[in-house]
C-alpha cells in the first residue's frame, strides 16, 4: 500500500527536528544566501508586516487553502526579481519573515499540540563543520535560541493573520482580480488566480463592521494591500524589457 508523502512548505526539502545528539556538529553559515528563494514568485506574509511589505511588493491574497496574504516577488513562475545570481536580496528592500526564518521552521509533533523546531538539512547554509554552532555541550546556542524565538513569533503572527483573513471573508471584502502586463512589443501577459481587497465593499461597511475590523487589527492589512497596488508597476520595471506597463484590472 502506498503512503501519501507530506507536502513540504515552500523552500523546505529535508526538515528534521533539532536534537543535540543528532545535530550537535551542525553549524549555520552567518552570511545570508537567498538562492533558495530565487524561484519564488510569491511568499506568505503576516498582517503585522503588511505595511512594510507594501513599500516594496504588491500584496494579494491566495485563492485557495488558507487565503493568506502574499508578497508578490515576480511576474512569472520560477522568477524572483529581488534575488541576484549570487544569492543577495536587493539592498534596501524588505525581506519577508517567511524568507528570513529559513532554514528553520516549526513542525507539529505527534501529539498535534506541540510545535518542534526543525532545520532543513538540505539548506546551503547548514554545514557539518564550521559556521555558528547550533549546539554546545548538548545545549542550544544563541543561534538556535534566536531561531526558536523568531519561528515562535512568526507562528503567532500567522495565527493572528488567519483570524483577520476570516474576518475579511466574513464581511465580503476579498474579490478575485487580475493584473495585465503590456510589453513593449504590444503583447500582453495576464496574471490571475489571486484576490485583493474590494474597495467598494469597504465603502459599504456598516459602522459596526468597520469597528469590528478596527478592534481586531484588520485595518493595517486592508490599507496596506490597497496601498501596494503601485508595486505592480515597480515589478514590471524590473523586467529586462524597459518601460513595461503593469495595469491592475
Protein backbone atom coordinates (compact mmCIF):
# COMPACT_ATOMS: atom_id res chain seq x y z
CA UNK A 1 0.00 0.00 0.00
CA UNK A 2 1.46 3.36 -0.97
CA UNK A 3 1.62 6.20 1.51
CA UNK A 4 0.93 9.82 0.70
CA UNK A 5 4.03 11.94 1.16
CA UNK A 6 3.57 15.07 3.29
CA UNK A 7 3.51 18.33 1.37
CA UNK A 8 6.58 20.35 2.30
CA UNK A 9 6.32 24.07 2.97
CA UNK A 10 7.81 26.33 0.30
CA UNK A 11 11.66 26.10 0.28
CA UNK A 12 11.94 23.10 2.63
CA UNK A 13 13.26 19.77 1.34
CA UNK A 14 14.54 17.74 4.31
CA UNK A 15 13.34 19.31 7.59
CA UNK A 16 14.49 17.43 10.70
CA UNK A 17 13.56 18.03 14.33
CA UNK A 18 16.60 19.55 16.01
CA UNK A 19 18.23 17.22 18.53
CA UNK A 20 21.63 17.75 20.17
CA UNK A 21 22.61 14.09 19.89
CA UNK A 22 21.85 14.10 16.16
CA UNK A 23 22.75 17.64 15.16
CA UNK A 24 25.43 18.58 17.67
CA UNK A 25 28.03 19.14 14.97
CA UNK A 26 25.87 21.28 12.70
CA UNK A 27 26.63 24.93 12.13
CA UNK A 28 24.94 27.83 10.34
CA UNK A 29 26.91 29.93 7.89
CA UNK A 30 26.45 33.54 9.05
CA UNK A 31 26.48 35.01 5.54
CA UNK A 32 22.96 35.35 4.07
CA UNK A 33 22.29 33.40 0.89
CA UNK A 34 18.82 33.71 -0.63
CA UNK A 35 19.33 31.48 -3.65
CA UNK A 36 16.83 29.08 -2.12
CA UNK A 37 14.17 31.76 -2.78
CA UNK A 38 15.33 32.75 -6.26
CA UNK A 39 12.42 30.95 -7.94
CA UNK A 40 9.68 32.04 -5.54
CA UNK A 41 7.15 34.22 -7.34
CA UNK A 42 5.37 34.92 -4.03
CA UNK A 43 5.61 34.12 -0.32
CA UNK A 44 3.06 34.25 2.53
CA UNK A 45 3.20 37.24 4.86
CA UNK A 46 1.61 38.14 8.17
CA UNK A 47 -0.77 41.03 8.70
CA UNK A 48 1.75 42.59 11.09
CA UNK A 49 4.37 43.00 8.39
CA UNK A 50 1.99 44.07 5.61
CA UNK A 51 2.74 47.82 5.97
CA UNK A 52 6.46 47.09 5.45
CA UNK A 53 5.82 44.70 2.57
CA UNK A 54 3.57 47.22 0.80
CA UNK A 55 6.51 49.61 0.38
CA UNK A 56 8.26 47.18 -1.98
CA UNK A 57 5.87 44.49 -3.29
CA UNK A 58 2.28 44.11 -4.40
CA UNK A 59 0.18 42.28 -1.80
CA UNK A 60 -2.50 39.82 -2.88
CA UNK A 61 -4.45 37.02 -1.23
CA UNK A 62 -4.33 33.35 -2.16
CA UNK A 63 -7.48 31.96 -3.77
CA UNK A 64 -7.24 28.57 -2.06
CA UNK A 65 -6.06 26.97 1.15
CA UNK A 66 -5.82 29.45 3.99
CA UNK A 67 -6.29 32.53 1.76
CA UNK A 68 -3.23 34.09 3.38
CA UNK A 69 -1.84 37.39 2.09
CA UNK A 70 1.14 37.04 -0.23
CA UNK A 71 4.02 39.29 -1.20
CA UNK A 72 4.43 39.13 -4.98
CA UNK A 73 8.11 38.84 -5.89
CA UNK A 74 7.92 38.20 -9.63
CA UNK A 75 5.66 38.18 -12.65
CA UNK A 76 6.09 34.63 -13.93
CA UNK A 77 6.58 31.19 -12.40
CA UNK A 78 10.10 30.50 -11.20
CA UNK A 79 11.03 34.18 -11.05
CA UNK A 80 12.01 36.26 -8.04
CA UNK A 81 13.04 39.70 -9.25
CA UNK A 82 14.73 40.60 -5.95
CA UNK A 83 17.40 37.87 -5.68
CA UNK A 84 20.53 38.04 -7.84
CA UNK A 85 22.72 35.19 -9.10
CA UNK A 86 24.97 35.43 -6.03
CA UNK A 87 22.02 34.94 -3.66
CA UNK A 88 21.82 38.54 -2.47
CA UNK A 89 18.41 40.10 -1.81
CA UNK A 90 18.20 43.58 -3.27
CA UNK A 91 19.58 46.02 -0.69
CA UNK A 92 17.07 48.38 0.86
CA UNK A 93 14.05 46.16 0.23
CA UNK A 94 12.12 44.41 2.97
CA UNK A 95 12.71 40.66 3.24
CA UNK A 96 9.51 38.88 4.35
CA UNK A 97 9.62 36.94 7.62
CA UNK A 98 8.75 33.70 5.83
CA UNK A 99 12.03 34.02 3.95
CA UNK A 100 14.11 35.20 6.91
CA UNK A 101 13.17 32.25 9.10
CA UNK A 102 14.68 29.74 6.65
CA UNK A 103 16.30 27.20 7.18
CA UNK A 104 14.38 26.87 10.46
CA UNK A 105 10.69 26.03 10.78
CA UNK A 106 8.20 24.74 13.32
CA UNK A 107 6.54 21.37 12.81
CA UNK A 108 3.63 19.90 14.74
CA UNK A 109 4.62 16.96 16.94
CA UNK A 110 2.92 13.59 17.08
CA UNK A 111 0.60 14.81 19.82
CA UNK A 112 -0.64 17.54 17.40
CA UNK A 113 -0.35 20.08 20.19
CA UNK A 114 3.35 20.76 20.41
CA UNK A 115 5.49 22.65 17.93
CA UNK A 116 9.02 21.37 17.38
CA UNK A 117 11.86 23.44 15.94
CA UNK A 118 13.22 21.87 12.78
CA UNK A 119 16.03 22.69 10.37
CA UNK A 120 16.23 21.95 6.67
CA UNK A 121 19.27 19.69 6.25
CA UNK A 122 19.23 20.49 2.53
CA UNK A 123 19.87 24.18 3.19
CA UNK A 124 23.12 25.52 1.81
CA UNK A 125 23.83 27.48 4.98
CA UNK A 126 23.73 24.36 7.18
CA UNK A 127 27.17 22.75 7.35
CA UNK A 128 28.65 19.75 9.16
CA UNK A 129 31.87 21.52 10.01
CA UNK A 130 32.17 25.25 10.64
CA UNK A 131 29.67 28.04 10.87
CA UNK A 132 27.93 29.14 14.05
CA UNK A 133 27.16 26.00 16.05
CA UNK A 134 23.56 25.08 16.78
CA UNK A 135 24.51 23.25 19.99
CA UNK A 136 27.33 23.49 22.50
CA UNK A 137 27.82 20.88 25.23
CA UNK A 138 24.45 19.40 24.34
CA UNK A 139 22.58 22.67 24.80
CA UNK A 140 21.14 25.09 22.23
CA UNK A 141 23.37 28.03 21.37
CA UNK A 142 22.23 31.61 20.86
CA UNK A 143 21.76 30.82 17.16
CA UNK A 144 19.20 28.12 17.95
CA UNK A 145 17.55 30.17 20.68
CA UNK A 146 17.13 33.09 18.28
CA UNK A 147 15.68 30.77 15.63
CA UNK A 148 13.23 29.38 18.18
CA UNK A 149 12.09 32.87 19.20
CA UNK A 150 11.77 34.03 15.60
CA UNK A 151 9.77 30.99 14.49
CA UNK A 152 7.52 31.27 17.56
CA UNK A 153 6.82 34.93 16.80
CA UNK A 154 6.15 34.06 13.16
CA UNK A 155 3.65 31.36 14.12
CA UNK A 156 1.83 33.79 16.45
CA UNK A 157 1.62 36.41 13.72
CA UNK A 158 0.38 33.92 11.12
CA UNK A 159 -2.26 32.63 13.57
CA UNK A 160 -3.44 36.22 14.06
CA UNK A 161 -3.43 36.74 10.29
CA UNK A 162 -5.66 33.71 9.74
CA UNK A 163 -8.25 35.26 12.06
CA UNK A 164 -8.04 38.58 10.24
CA UNK A 165 -8.47 36.92 6.84
CA UNK A 166 -11.54 35.08 8.11
CA UNK A 167 -12.93 38.43 9.24
CA UNK A 168 -12.29 39.92 5.79
CA UNK A 169 -14.10 37.00 4.20
CA UNK A 170 -16.97 37.32 6.68
CA UNK A 171 -17.55 40.89 5.51
CA UNK A 172 -17.10 40.01 1.82
CA UNK A 173 -14.03 42.22 1.41
CA UNK A 174 -11.99 39.87 -0.80
CA UNK A 175 -12.58 39.73 -4.54
CA UNK A 176 -10.81 37.89 -7.36
CA UNK A 177 -8.67 40.09 -9.58
CA UNK A 178 -6.02 40.01 -12.27
CA UNK A 179 -3.16 42.16 -13.50
CA UNK A 180 -2.39 42.65 -17.17
CA UNK A 181 1.15 43.43 -18.33
CA UNK A 182 1.53 45.23 -21.63
CA UNK A 183 5.00 44.55 -23.02
CA UNK A 184 6.89 46.97 -25.31
CA UNK A 185 6.12 44.61 -28.20
CA UNK A 186 2.43 45.16 -27.57
CA UNK A 187 1.84 41.63 -26.33
CA UNK A 188 0.01 41.15 -23.05
CA UNK A 189 0.62 38.84 -20.12
CA UNK A 190 -2.28 38.17 -17.75
CA UNK A 191 -1.69 37.34 -14.10
CA UNK A 192 -4.65 35.77 -12.34
CA UNK A 193 -5.74 33.41 -9.55
CA UNK A 194 -5.38 35.91 -6.73
CA UNK A 195 -7.66 38.11 -4.65
CA UNK A 196 -7.47 41.71 -3.46
CA UNK A 197 -9.44 43.99 -1.16
CA UNK A 198 -12.74 45.10 -2.69
CA UNK A 199 -12.63 48.83 -2.02
CA UNK A 200 -16.31 49.23 -2.91
CA UNK A 201 -17.17 46.62 -0.27
CA UNK A 202 -15.07 48.52 2.25
CA UNK A 203 -17.04 51.68 1.47
CA UNK A 204 -20.29 49.80 2.06
CA UNK A 205 -19.26 48.55 5.50
CA UNK A 206 -21.57 49.46 8.34
CA UNK A 207 -20.16 51.39 11.29
CA UNK A 208 -20.30 48.19 13.33
CA UNK A 209 -18.49 46.24 10.63
CA UNK A 210 -15.75 48.85 10.34
CA UNK A 211 -15.39 48.92 14.11
CA UNK A 212 -15.05 45.13 14.17
CA UNK A 213 -12.20 45.34 11.67
CA UNK A 214 -10.51 48.06 13.68
CA UNK A 215 -10.86 46.28 17.01
CA UNK A 216 -9.38 43.10 15.55
CA UNK A 217 -6.36 44.74 13.92
CA UNK A 218 -7.51 44.18 10.33
CA UNK A 219 -7.29 47.73 9.04
CA UNK A 220 -3.48 47.89 8.60
CA UNK A 221 -3.66 44.87 6.28
CA UNK A 222 -6.60 46.35 4.38
CA UNK A 223 -4.88 49.68 3.81
CA UNK A 224 -1.51 48.05 3.09
CA UNK A 225 -2.97 45.83 0.37
CA UNK A 226 -4.72 48.75 -1.29
CA UNK A 227 -1.61 50.91 -0.98
CA UNK A 228 0.59 48.21 -2.51
CA UNK A 229 -1.04 48.45 -5.97
CA UNK A 230 1.74 50.66 -7.44
CA UNK A 231 4.04 47.71 -6.78
CA UNK A 232 2.78 46.05 -9.98
CA UNK A 233 4.39 48.81 -11.99
CA UNK A 234 7.57 48.58 -9.92
CA UNK A 235 7.78 44.85 -10.65
CA UNK A 236 7.26 45.43 -14.35
CA UNK A 237 10.09 47.95 -14.44
CA UNK A 238 12.41 45.27 -13.10
CA UNK A 239 11.89 43.12 -16.19
CA UNK A 240 14.71 43.12 -18.76
CA UNK A 241 12.47 44.90 -21.25
CA UNK A 242 12.24 48.53 -20.14
CA UNK A 243 9.11 50.60 -19.99
CA UNK A 244 6.80 47.62 -19.43
CA UNK A 245 3.47 48.81 -18.06
CA UNK A 246 1.52 46.97 -15.38
CA UNK A 247 -2.17 47.71 -15.08
CA UNK A 248 -4.26 46.04 -12.36
CA UNK A 249 -7.72 45.20 -13.70
